[in-house]
Amino acid sequence: MKVRTIYEIVLFVMLILLQVLLLNRISLFGITTPVLYIYFLLKLPMGRNKFFVIISGFLLGLIIDIFLNTPGINAAATTIVAAFRKNIMDLFFEKEEYDEFVPGIYTTAGPFIRFTVFMVLLHLSLIFLIESFTLFNLAGTLLRILSSSVASILLIIALDSLMFRKRPGEQS
């Protein structure tokens, strides 16, 4: 097994455990719940097979749904985000940076932050719109989307900054 594969498996399991055991118990003001498991889809290499990305996104969402007892909401949202991941990456990253390039805060800070914001907003919009399944309380739903997105984006950027630090003497 490659080191990258082992890293992805460990990241997958750790993000699920962190989300289920810790982050879903946090509810700031009753409206904000940080979502960190989407970080797995952000950190997959750009040239990863689309089928693998969609299947891993579905499994990620399904496992979260099983633990949280939600009827497929996370699986649907994560699968849709995984399906459009390649097209979204094309919007934010150079075409030459493919195959094994892993987006990150230290490799391409600006594009990575914009990519993260877009993916998190899309993911949480899908989750909250599927969950509410109505436009009756649109202001409340938009508030939940924006507040949870801000918390999630800050958490993802902080995690990426801590996990992938530049080594002393390393050039950018």
N, C-alpha and C. Protein backbone atom coordinates (compact mmCIF):
# COMPACT_ATOMS: atom_id res chain seq x y z
N MET A 1 0.84 -1.19 0.00
CA MET A 1 0.00 0.00 0.00
C MET A 1 0.87 1.24 0.00
N LYS A 2 0.45 2.20 -0.74
CA LYS A 2 1.18 3.45 -0.77
C LYS A 2 0.93 4.23 0.50
N VAL A 3 1.86 5.10 0.83
CA VAL A 3 1.73 5.95 2.01
C VAL A 3 0.53 6.89 1.84
N ARG A 4 0.31 7.36 0.63
CA ARG A 4 -0.81 8.26 0.37
C ARG A 4 -2.16 7.58 0.64
N THR A 5 -2.27 6.30 0.29
CA THR A 5 -3.50 5.56 0.52
C THR A 5 -3.75 5.38 2.01
N ILE A 6 -2.71 5.06 2.75
CA ILE A 6 -2.84 4.92 4.20
C ILE A 6 -3.22 6.25 4.82
N TYR A 7 -2.62 7.33 4.35
CA TYR A 7 -2.96 8.67 4.85
C TYR A 7 -4.43 8.98 4.60
N GLU A 8 -4.94 8.65 3.40
CA GLU A 8 -6.33 8.94 3.08
C GLU A 8 -7.29 8.12 3.94
N ILE A 9 -6.96 6.87 4.20
CA ILE A 9 -7.80 6.03 5.06
C ILE A 9 -7.83 6.57 6.48
N VAL A 10 -6.68 6.95 7.01
CA VAL A 10 -6.61 7.51 8.36
C VAL A 10 -7.37 8.83 8.44
N LEU A 11 -7.21 9.69 7.44
CA LEU A 11 -7.93 10.96 7.40
C LEU A 11 -9.43 10.74 7.35
N PHE A 12 -9.88 9.79 6.54
CA PHE A 12 -11.29 9.44 6.41
C PHE A 12 -11.88 9.04 7.76
N VAL A 13 -11.21 8.14 8.44
CA VAL A 13 -11.70 7.64 9.74
C VAL A 13 -11.64 8.73 10.80
N MET A 14 -10.55 9.47 10.85
CA MET A 14 -10.41 10.51 11.88
C MET A 14 -11.44 11.63 11.70
N LEU A 15 -11.72 12.03 10.48
CA LEU A 15 -12.70 13.08 10.25
C LEU A 15 -14.11 12.63 10.62
N ILE A 16 -14.42 11.38 10.33
CA ILE A 16 -15.74 10.85 10.73
C ILE A 16 -15.85 10.82 12.24
N LEU A 17 -14.83 10.30 12.92
CA LEU A 17 -14.87 10.25 14.39
C LEU A 17 -14.95 11.64 15.00
N LEU A 18 -14.18 12.56 14.48
CA LEU A 18 -14.19 13.93 15.00
C LEU A 18 -15.56 14.58 14.79
N GLN A 19 -16.16 14.36 13.63
CA GLN A 19 -17.47 14.94 13.35
C GLN A 19 -18.55 14.35 14.24
N VAL A 20 -18.56 13.03 14.33
CA VAL A 20 -19.63 12.35 15.07
C VAL A 20 -19.49 12.51 16.58
N LEU A 21 -18.29 12.37 17.08
CA LEU A 21 -18.10 12.38 18.54
C LEU A 21 -17.96 13.76 19.14
N LEU A 22 -17.52 14.74 18.35
CA LEU A 22 -17.27 16.06 18.93
C LEU A 22 -18.07 17.18 18.27
N LEU A 23 -17.88 17.35 16.98
CA LEU A 23 -18.42 18.54 16.32
C LEU A 23 -19.94 18.58 16.24
N ASN A 24 -20.60 17.43 16.12
CA ASN A 24 -22.06 17.45 16.06
C ASN A 24 -22.69 17.72 17.42
N ARG A 25 -21.92 17.70 18.46
CA ARG A 25 -22.42 18.05 19.79
C ARG A 25 -22.29 19.55 20.04
N ILE A 26 -21.63 20.24 19.14
CA ILE A 26 -21.47 21.70 19.25
C ILE A 26 -22.58 22.37 18.47
N SER A 27 -23.27 23.27 19.12
CA SER A 27 -24.32 24.03 18.46
C SER A 27 -24.26 25.45 19.01
N LEU A 28 -23.61 26.33 18.29
CA LEU A 28 -23.48 27.70 18.74
C LEU A 28 -24.77 28.45 18.49
N PHE A 29 -25.37 28.95 19.53
CA PHE A 29 -26.62 29.72 19.47
C PHE A 29 -27.77 28.92 18.84
N GLY A 30 -27.66 27.61 18.81
CA GLY A 30 -28.71 26.77 18.24
C GLY A 30 -28.78 26.78 16.72
N ILE A 31 -27.85 27.44 16.06
CA ILE A 31 -27.92 27.51 14.59
C ILE A 31 -26.63 27.09 13.89
N THR A 32 -25.51 27.16 14.57
CA THR A 32 -24.22 26.89 13.92
C THR A 32 -23.65 25.55 14.36
N THR A 33 -23.43 24.68 13.40
CA THR A 33 -22.77 23.41 13.66
C THR A 33 -21.63 23.27 12.66
N PRO A 34 -20.38 23.24 13.14
CA PRO A 34 -19.26 23.12 12.20
C PRO A 34 -19.22 21.73 11.55
N VAL A 35 -18.90 21.71 10.27
CA VAL A 35 -18.81 20.46 9.51
C VAL A 35 -17.37 20.35 9.00
N LEU A 36 -16.70 19.30 9.43
CA LEU A 36 -15.29 19.14 9.07
C LEU A 36 -15.04 17.99 8.10
N TYR A 37 -15.96 17.05 7.99
CA TYR A 37 -15.70 15.87 7.17
C TYR A 37 -15.56 16.17 5.68
N ILE A 38 -16.04 17.32 5.22
CA ILE A 38 -15.89 17.72 3.82
C ILE A 38 -14.40 17.94 3.48
N TYR A 39 -13.59 18.15 4.51
CA TYR A 39 -12.14 18.34 4.33
C TYR A 39 -11.51 17.16 3.59
N PHE A 40 -12.08 15.96 3.76
CA PHE A 40 -11.55 14.79 3.06
C PHE A 40 -11.61 14.99 1.55
N LEU A 41 -12.73 15.50 1.04
CA LEU A 41 -12.85 15.72 -0.40
C LEU A 41 -11.96 16.86 -0.88
N LEU A 42 -11.70 17.82 -0.01
CA LEU A 42 -10.82 18.92 -0.38
C LEU A 42 -9.37 18.47 -0.53
N LYS A 43 -8.96 17.49 0.25
CA LYS A 43 -7.55 17.10 0.28
C LYS A 43 -7.20 15.92 -0.64
N LEU A 44 -8.17 15.43 -1.41
CA LEU A 44 -7.82 14.39 -2.38
C LEU A 44 -7.01 15.01 -3.51
N PRO A 45 -6.07 14.27 -4.08
CA PRO A 45 -5.28 14.80 -5.19
C PRO A 45 -6.17 15.19 -6.37
N MET A 46 -5.74 16.18 -7.12
CA MET A 46 -6.55 16.72 -8.22
C MET A 46 -6.81 15.69 -9.31
N GLY A 47 -5.87 14.82 -9.57
CA GLY A 47 -6.02 13.85 -10.65
C GLY A 47 -6.71 12.57 -10.23
N ARG A 48 -7.30 12.55 -9.07
CA ARG A 48 -7.95 11.34 -8.58
C ARG A 48 -9.12 10.95 -9.48
N ASN A 49 -9.31 9.67 -9.68
CA ASN A 49 -10.38 9.12 -10.49
C ASN A 49 -11.73 9.62 -10.00
N LYS A 50 -12.57 10.12 -10.91
CA LYS A 50 -13.87 10.69 -10.54
C LYS A 50 -14.77 9.65 -9.87
N PHE A 51 -14.72 8.42 -10.35
CA PHE A 51 -15.52 7.35 -9.75
C PHE A 51 -15.12 7.14 -8.29
N PHE A 52 -13.82 7.13 -8.02
CA PHE A 52 -13.33 6.97 -6.64
C PHE A 52 -13.81 8.12 -5.76
N VAL A 53 -13.75 9.34 -6.28
CA VAL A 53 -14.17 10.51 -5.51
C VAL A 53 -15.65 10.44 -5.18
N ILE A 54 -16.47 10.07 -6.15
CA ILE A 54 -17.92 10.00 -5.91
C ILE A 54 -18.26 8.88 -4.93
N ILE A 55 -17.65 7.72 -5.10
CA ILE A 55 -17.91 6.61 -4.18
C ILE A 55 -17.44 6.94 -2.77
N SER A 56 -16.25 7.53 -2.64
CA SER A 56 -15.77 7.87 -1.29
C SER A 56 -16.61 8.99 -0.68
N GLY A 57 -17.10 9.92 -1.50
CA GLY A 57 -18.00 10.95 -0.99
C GLY A 57 -19.31 10.36 -0.51
N PHE A 58 -19.85 9.42 -1.28
CA PHE A 58 -21.08 8.76 -0.86
C PHE A 58 -20.88 7.99 0.44
N LEU A 59 -19.80 7.22 0.53
CA LEU A 59 -19.53 6.45 1.75
C LEU A 59 -19.32 7.36 2.95
N LEU A 60 -18.62 8.47 2.74
CA LEU A 60 -18.40 9.44 3.81
C LEU A 60 -19.74 9.97 4.33
N GLY A 61 -20.60 10.40 3.42
CA GLY A 61 -21.91 10.90 3.82
C GLY A 61 -22.79 9.83 4.43
N LEU A 62 -22.74 8.62 3.88
CA LEU A 62 -23.55 7.52 4.40
C LEU A 62 -23.15 7.15 5.82
N ILE A 63 -21.86 7.10 6.08
CA ILE A 63 -21.39 6.77 7.43
C ILE A 63 -21.81 7.86 8.41
N ILE A 64 -21.70 9.11 8.01
CA ILE A 64 -22.16 10.21 8.86
C ILE A 64 -23.66 10.08 9.10
N ASP A 65 -24.43 9.76 8.07
CA ASP A 65 -25.88 9.58 8.22
C ASP A 65 -26.22 8.43 9.17
N ILE A 66 -25.47 7.36 9.09
CA ILE A 66 -25.72 6.22 9.97
C ILE A 66 -25.49 6.61 11.42
N PHE A 67 -24.40 7.29 11.69
CA PHE A 67 -24.10 7.68 13.07
C PHE A 67 -25.05 8.76 13.59
N LEU A 68 -25.50 9.66 12.73
CA LEU A 68 -26.34 10.76 13.17
C LEU A 68 -27.83 10.48 13.01
N ASN A 69 -28.16 9.31 12.46
CA ASN A 69 -29.55 8.90 12.28
C ASN A 69 -30.31 9.91 11.41
N THR A 70 -29.68 10.35 10.35
CA THR A 70 -30.33 11.24 9.39
C THR A 70 -30.61 10.44 8.12
N PRO A 71 -31.74 10.65 7.49
CA PRO A 71 -32.15 9.79 6.36
C PRO A 71 -31.51 10.15 5.02
N GLY A 72 -30.21 10.01 4.90
CA GLY A 72 -29.54 10.20 3.62
C GLY A 72 -29.21 11.63 3.25
N ILE A 73 -29.39 12.55 4.15
CA ILE A 73 -29.13 13.96 3.85
C ILE A 73 -27.65 14.19 3.55
N ASN A 74 -26.78 13.72 4.42
CA ASN A 74 -25.34 13.92 4.23
C ASN A 74 -24.83 13.13 3.04
N ALA A 75 -25.36 11.93 2.82
CA ALA A 75 -24.93 11.12 1.68
C ALA A 75 -25.28 11.82 0.37
N ALA A 76 -26.47 12.38 0.29
CA ALA A 76 -26.88 13.08 -0.93
C ALA A 76 -26.01 14.31 -1.17
N ALA A 77 -25.85 15.13 -0.14
CA ALA A 77 -25.07 16.37 -0.30
C ALA A 77 -23.61 16.08 -0.62
N THR A 78 -23.02 15.12 0.06
CA THR A 78 -21.61 14.81 -0.16
C THR A 78 -21.39 14.17 -1.54
N THR A 79 -22.33 13.36 -2.00
CA THR A 79 -22.21 12.75 -3.32
C THR A 79 -22.31 13.81 -4.41
N ILE A 80 -23.23 14.75 -4.26
CA ILE A 80 -23.36 15.82 -5.26
C ILE A 80 -22.09 16.68 -5.30
N VAL A 81 -21.57 17.02 -4.14
CA VAL A 81 -20.34 17.83 -4.08
C VAL A 81 -19.18 17.05 -4.69
N ALA A 82 -19.09 15.76 -4.40
CA ALA A 82 -18.01 14.93 -4.96
C ALA A 82 -18.12 14.83 -6.48
N ALA A 83 -19.35 14.77 -6.99
CA ALA A 83 -19.55 14.67 -8.43
C ALA A 83 -19.09 15.93 -9.17
N PHE A 84 -19.26 17.08 -8.53
CA PHE A 84 -18.88 18.34 -9.18
C PHE A 84 -17.49 18.83 -8.75
N ARG A 85 -16.77 18.06 -7.95
CA ARG A 85 -15.47 18.47 -7.42
C ARG A 85 -14.48 18.82 -8.53
N LYS A 86 -14.38 17.98 -9.54
CA LYS A 86 -13.42 18.22 -10.63
C LYS A 86 -13.73 19.51 -11.38
N ASN A 87 -15.01 19.75 -11.65
CA ASN A 87 -15.40 20.98 -12.36
C ASN A 87 -15.13 22.21 -11.51
N ILE A 88 -15.37 22.10 -10.23
CA ILE A 88 -15.11 23.22 -9.32
C ILE A 88 -13.62 23.48 -9.21
N MET A 89 -12.82 22.42 -9.17
CA MET A 89 -11.37 22.60 -9.10
C MET A 89 -10.84 23.31 -10.34
N ASP A 90 -11.44 23.02 -11.48
CA ASP A 90 -11.01 23.67 -12.72
C ASP A 90 -11.23 25.18 -12.67
N LEU A 91 -12.20 25.62 -11.88
CA LEU A 91 -12.46 27.06 -11.73
C LEU A 91 -11.37 27.77 -10.94
N PHE A 92 -10.77 27.07 -9.98
CA PHE A 92 -9.87 27.73 -9.03
C PHE A 92 -8.40 27.40 -9.20
N PHE A 93 -8.06 26.32 -9.84
CA PHE A 93 -6.66 25.91 -9.95
C PHE A 93 -6.22 25.88 -11.40
N GLU A 94 -4.91 26.05 -11.59
CA GLU A 94 -4.30 26.00 -12.92
C GLU A 94 -4.44 24.61 -13.50
N LYS A 95 -4.58 24.53 -14.78
CA LYS A 95 -4.73 23.23 -15.45
C LYS A 95 -3.45 22.40 -15.39
N GLU A 96 -2.30 23.07 -15.25
CA GLU A 96 -1.02 22.35 -15.22
C GLU A 96 -0.80 21.63 -13.89
N GLU A 97 -1.55 21.99 -12.86
CA GLU A 97 -1.32 21.45 -11.52
C GLU A 97 -2.13 20.18 -11.28
N TYR A 98 -2.02 19.19 -12.15
CA TYR A 98 -2.87 18.03 -12.01
C TYR A 98 -2.16 16.81 -11.47
N ASP A 99 -2.80 15.70 -11.58
CA ASP A 99 -2.41 14.38 -11.14
C ASP A 99 -2.25 14.30 -9.63
N GLU A 100 -1.04 14.36 -9.13
CA GLU A 100 -0.84 14.14 -7.70
C GLU A 100 -0.79 15.43 -6.89
N PHE A 101 -1.14 16.55 -7.49
CA PHE A 101 -1.16 17.81 -6.77
C PHE A 101 -2.30 17.80 -5.76
N VAL A 102 -1.97 18.08 -4.48
CA VAL A 102 -2.96 18.14 -3.41
C VAL A 102 -3.13 19.59 -3.01
N PRO A 103 -4.33 20.15 -3.18
CA PRO A 103 -4.53 21.55 -2.81
C PRO A 103 -4.33 21.75 -1.32
N GLY A 104 -3.74 22.87 -0.96
CA GLY A 104 -3.51 23.16 0.44
C GLY A 104 -3.20 24.62 0.66
N ILE A 105 -3.21 25.00 1.92
CA ILE A 105 -2.99 26.40 2.29
C ILE A 105 -1.55 26.83 1.99
N TYR A 106 -0.61 25.90 2.03
CA TYR A 106 0.79 26.27 1.78
C TYR A 106 1.21 26.07 0.33
N THR A 107 0.44 25.35 -0.45
CA THR A 107 0.80 25.18 -1.86
C THR A 107 0.21 26.28 -2.72
N THR A 108 -1.09 26.52 -2.56
CA THR A 108 -1.78 27.59 -3.30
C THR A 108 -2.80 28.21 -2.36
N ALA A 109 -2.40 29.17 -1.56
CA ALA A 109 -3.25 29.71 -0.50
C ALA A 109 -4.53 30.35 -1.04
N GLY A 110 -4.42 31.27 -1.97
CA GLY A 110 -5.60 31.97 -2.48
C GLY A 110 -6.61 31.05 -3.14
N PRO A 111 -6.17 30.27 -4.14
CA PRO A 111 -7.11 29.34 -4.77
C PRO A 111 -7.68 28.31 -3.80
N PHE A 112 -6.86 27.84 -2.86
CA PHE A 112 -7.35 26.84 -1.90
C PHE A 112 -8.43 27.43 -1.01
N ILE A 113 -8.27 28.66 -0.56
CA ILE A 113 -9.29 29.29 0.29
C ILE A 113 -10.58 29.52 -0.50
N ARG A 114 -10.47 29.99 -1.73
CA ARG A 114 -11.67 30.19 -2.55
C ARG A 114 -12.36 28.86 -2.85
N PHE A 115 -11.57 27.83 -3.14
CA PHE A 115 -12.10 26.49 -3.39
C PHE A 115 -12.81 25.96 -2.14
N THR A 116 -12.20 26.15 -0.99
CA THR A 116 -12.79 25.70 0.28
C THR A 116 -14.10 26.43 0.55
N VAL A 117 -14.12 27.73 0.37
CA VAL A 117 -15.34 28.51 0.61
C VAL A 117 -16.46 28.02 -0.31
N PHE A 118 -16.15 27.85 -1.58
CA PHE A 118 -17.18 27.41 -2.54
C PHE A 118 -17.71 26.03 -2.19
N MET A 119 -16.81 25.09 -1.92
CA MET A 119 -17.22 23.71 -1.62
C MET A 119 -18.03 23.63 -0.33
N VAL A 120 -17.60 24.34 0.70
CA VAL A 120 -18.32 24.30 1.97
C VAL A 120 -19.70 24.96 1.83
N LEU A 121 -19.76 26.10 1.14
CA LEU A 121 -21.06 26.74 0.92
C LEU A 121 -22.01 25.84 0.13
N LEU A 122 -21.50 25.19 -0.91
CA LEU A 122 -22.32 24.28 -1.70
C LEU A 122 -22.80 23.11 -0.85
N HIS A 123 -21.88 22.51 -0.11
CA HIS A 123 -22.20 21.34 0.71
C HIS A 123 -23.24 21.68 1.78
N LEU A 124 -23.02 22.75 2.52
CA LEU A 124 -23.94 23.10 3.59
C LEU A 124 -25.27 23.62 3.05
N SER A 125 -25.25 24.27 1.90
CA SER A 125 -26.52 24.70 1.28
C SER A 125 -27.36 23.47 0.93
N LEU A 126 -26.73 22.48 0.35
CA LEU A 126 -27.45 21.25 0.02
C LEU A 126 -27.99 20.58 1.27
N ILE A 127 -27.16 20.47 2.31
CA ILE A 127 -27.61 19.82 3.54
C ILE A 127 -28.81 20.54 4.14
N PHE A 128 -28.72 21.84 4.32
CA PHE A 128 -29.79 22.57 5.00
C PHE A 128 -31.04 22.71 4.14
N LEU A 129 -30.89 22.81 2.83
CA LEU A 129 -32.06 22.89 1.97
C LEU A 129 -32.77 21.54 1.87
N ILE A 130 -32.01 20.46 1.83
CA ILE A 130 -32.63 19.13 1.84
C ILE A 130 -33.29 18.88 3.19
N GLU A 131 -32.63 19.28 4.25
CA GLU A 131 -33.17 19.07 5.60
C GLU A 131 -34.47 19.84 5.81
N SER A 132 -34.51 21.10 5.41
CA SER A 132 -35.72 21.89 5.63
C SER A 132 -36.79 21.55 4.58
N PHE A 133 -36.40 21.25 3.37
CA PHE A 133 -37.26 20.85 2.26
C PHE A 133 -38.42 21.82 2.04
N THR A 134 -38.17 23.07 2.37
CA THR A 134 -39.17 24.11 2.14
C THR A 134 -38.47 25.46 2.07
N LEU A 135 -39.12 26.41 1.49
CA LEU A 135 -38.58 27.76 1.47
C LEU A 135 -39.39 28.65 2.40
N PHE A 136 -40.15 28.03 3.31
CA PHE A 136 -40.99 28.77 4.23
C PHE A 136 -40.17 29.66 5.15
N ASN A 137 -39.15 29.12 5.76
CA ASN A 137 -38.29 29.89 6.66
C ASN A 137 -36.93 30.09 6.00
N LEU A 138 -36.92 30.77 4.86
CA LEU A 138 -35.71 30.94 4.08
C LEU A 138 -34.65 31.73 4.83
N ALA A 139 -35.06 32.76 5.57
CA ALA A 139 -34.09 33.57 6.32
C ALA A 139 -33.38 32.73 7.38
N GLY A 140 -34.09 31.88 8.08
CA GLY A 140 -33.48 31.01 9.09
C GLY A 140 -32.54 30.00 8.46
N THR A 141 -32.95 29.46 7.33
CA THR A 141 -32.10 28.49 6.63
C THR A 141 -30.83 29.16 6.12
N LEU A 142 -30.95 30.35 5.55
CA LEU A 142 -29.77 31.08 5.07
C LEU A 142 -28.83 31.43 6.22
N LEU A 143 -29.40 31.79 7.36
CA LEU A 143 -28.58 32.08 8.54
C LEU A 143 -27.81 30.85 9.00
N ARG A 144 -28.47 29.71 8.99
CA ARG A 144 -27.80 28.44 9.36
C ARG A 144 -26.69 28.11 8.37
N ILE A 145 -26.98 28.32 7.07
CA ILE A 145 -25.98 28.03 6.04
C ILE A 145 -24.76 28.92 6.22
N LEU A 146 -24.97 30.21 6.36
CA LEU A 146 -23.85 31.15 6.46
C LEU A 146 -23.06 30.97 7.75
N SER A 147 -23.74 30.82 8.87
CA SER A 147 -23.02 30.69 10.14
C SER A 147 -22.25 29.38 10.22
N SER A 148 -22.87 28.30 9.78
CA SER A 148 -22.17 27.01 9.78
C SER A 148 -21.02 27.01 8.78
N SER A 149 -21.20 27.70 7.66
CA SER A 149 -20.13 27.78 6.66
C SER A 149 -18.93 28.53 7.20
N VAL A 150 -19.18 29.66 7.85
CA VAL A 150 -18.07 30.43 8.43
C VAL A 150 -17.31 29.59 9.45
N ALA A 151 -18.03 28.93 10.34
CA ALA A 151 -17.38 28.08 11.36
C ALA A 151 -16.60 26.95 10.70
N SER A 152 -17.19 26.31 9.70
CA SER A 152 -16.53 25.19 9.02
C SER A 152 -15.30 25.63 8.26
N ILE A 153 -15.39 26.75 7.55
CA ILE A 153 -14.26 27.26 6.77
C ILE A 153 -13.10 27.61 7.69
N LEU A 154 -13.38 28.29 8.77
CA LEU A 154 -12.32 28.63 9.73
C LEU A 154 -11.67 27.38 10.31
N LEU A 155 -12.47 26.39 10.63
CA LEU A 155 -11.96 25.14 11.16
C LEU A 155 -11.11 24.39 10.14
N ILE A 156 -11.55 24.36 8.89
CA ILE A 156 -10.81 23.67 7.83
C ILE A 156 -9.48 24.36 7.56
N ILE A 157 -9.48 25.69 7.50
CA ILE A 157 -8.23 26.42 7.25
C ILE A 157 -7.27 26.25 8.43
N ALA A 158 -7.79 26.27 9.64
CA ALA A 158 -6.94 26.06 10.82
C ALA A 158 -6.36 24.65 10.80
N LEU A 159 -7.17 23.65 10.48
CA LEU A 159 -6.69 22.26 10.44
C LEU A 159 -5.63 22.09 9.36
N ASP A 160 -5.87 22.66 8.19
CA ASP A 160 -4.90 22.54 7.11
C ASP A 160 -3.59 23.25 7.46
N SER A 161 -3.69 24.37 8.15
CA SER A 161 -2.48 25.10 8.56
C SER A 161 -1.68 24.31 9.58
N LEU A 162 -2.37 23.58 10.46
CA LEU A 162 -1.67 22.80 11.48
C LEU A 162 -1.10 21.49 10.93
N MET A 163 -1.83 20.86 10.02
CA MET A 163 -1.41 19.55 9.52
C MET A 163 -0.27 19.63 8.51
N PHE A 164 -0.23 20.68 7.74
CA PHE A 164 0.73 20.76 6.65
C PHE A 164 1.59 22.00 6.79
N ARG A 165 2.35 22.06 7.85
CA ARG A 165 3.23 23.21 8.07
C ARG A 165 4.42 23.15 7.14
N LYS A 166 4.93 24.33 6.81
CA LYS A 166 6.17 24.40 6.04
C LYS A 166 7.32 24.01 6.97
N ARG A 167 8.22 23.28 6.42
CA ARG A 167 9.40 22.90 7.20
C ARG A 167 10.41 24.04 7.13
N PRO A 168 11.25 24.20 8.15
CA PRO A 168 12.25 25.26 8.11
C PRO A 168 13.15 25.14 6.87
N GLY A 169 13.33 26.25 6.19
CA GLY A 169 14.17 26.29 5.01
C GLY A 169 13.47 25.90 3.73
N GLU A 170 12.18 25.50 3.82
CA GLU A 170 11.44 25.09 2.63
C GLU A 170 10.96 26.33 1.88
N GLN A 171 11.11 26.32 0.57
CA GLN A 171 10.70 27.44 -0.27
C GLN A 171 9.29 27.18 -0.76
N SER A 172 8.55 28.27 -1.08
CA SER A 172 7.20 28.09 -1.61
C SER A 172 7.19 28.04 -3.11
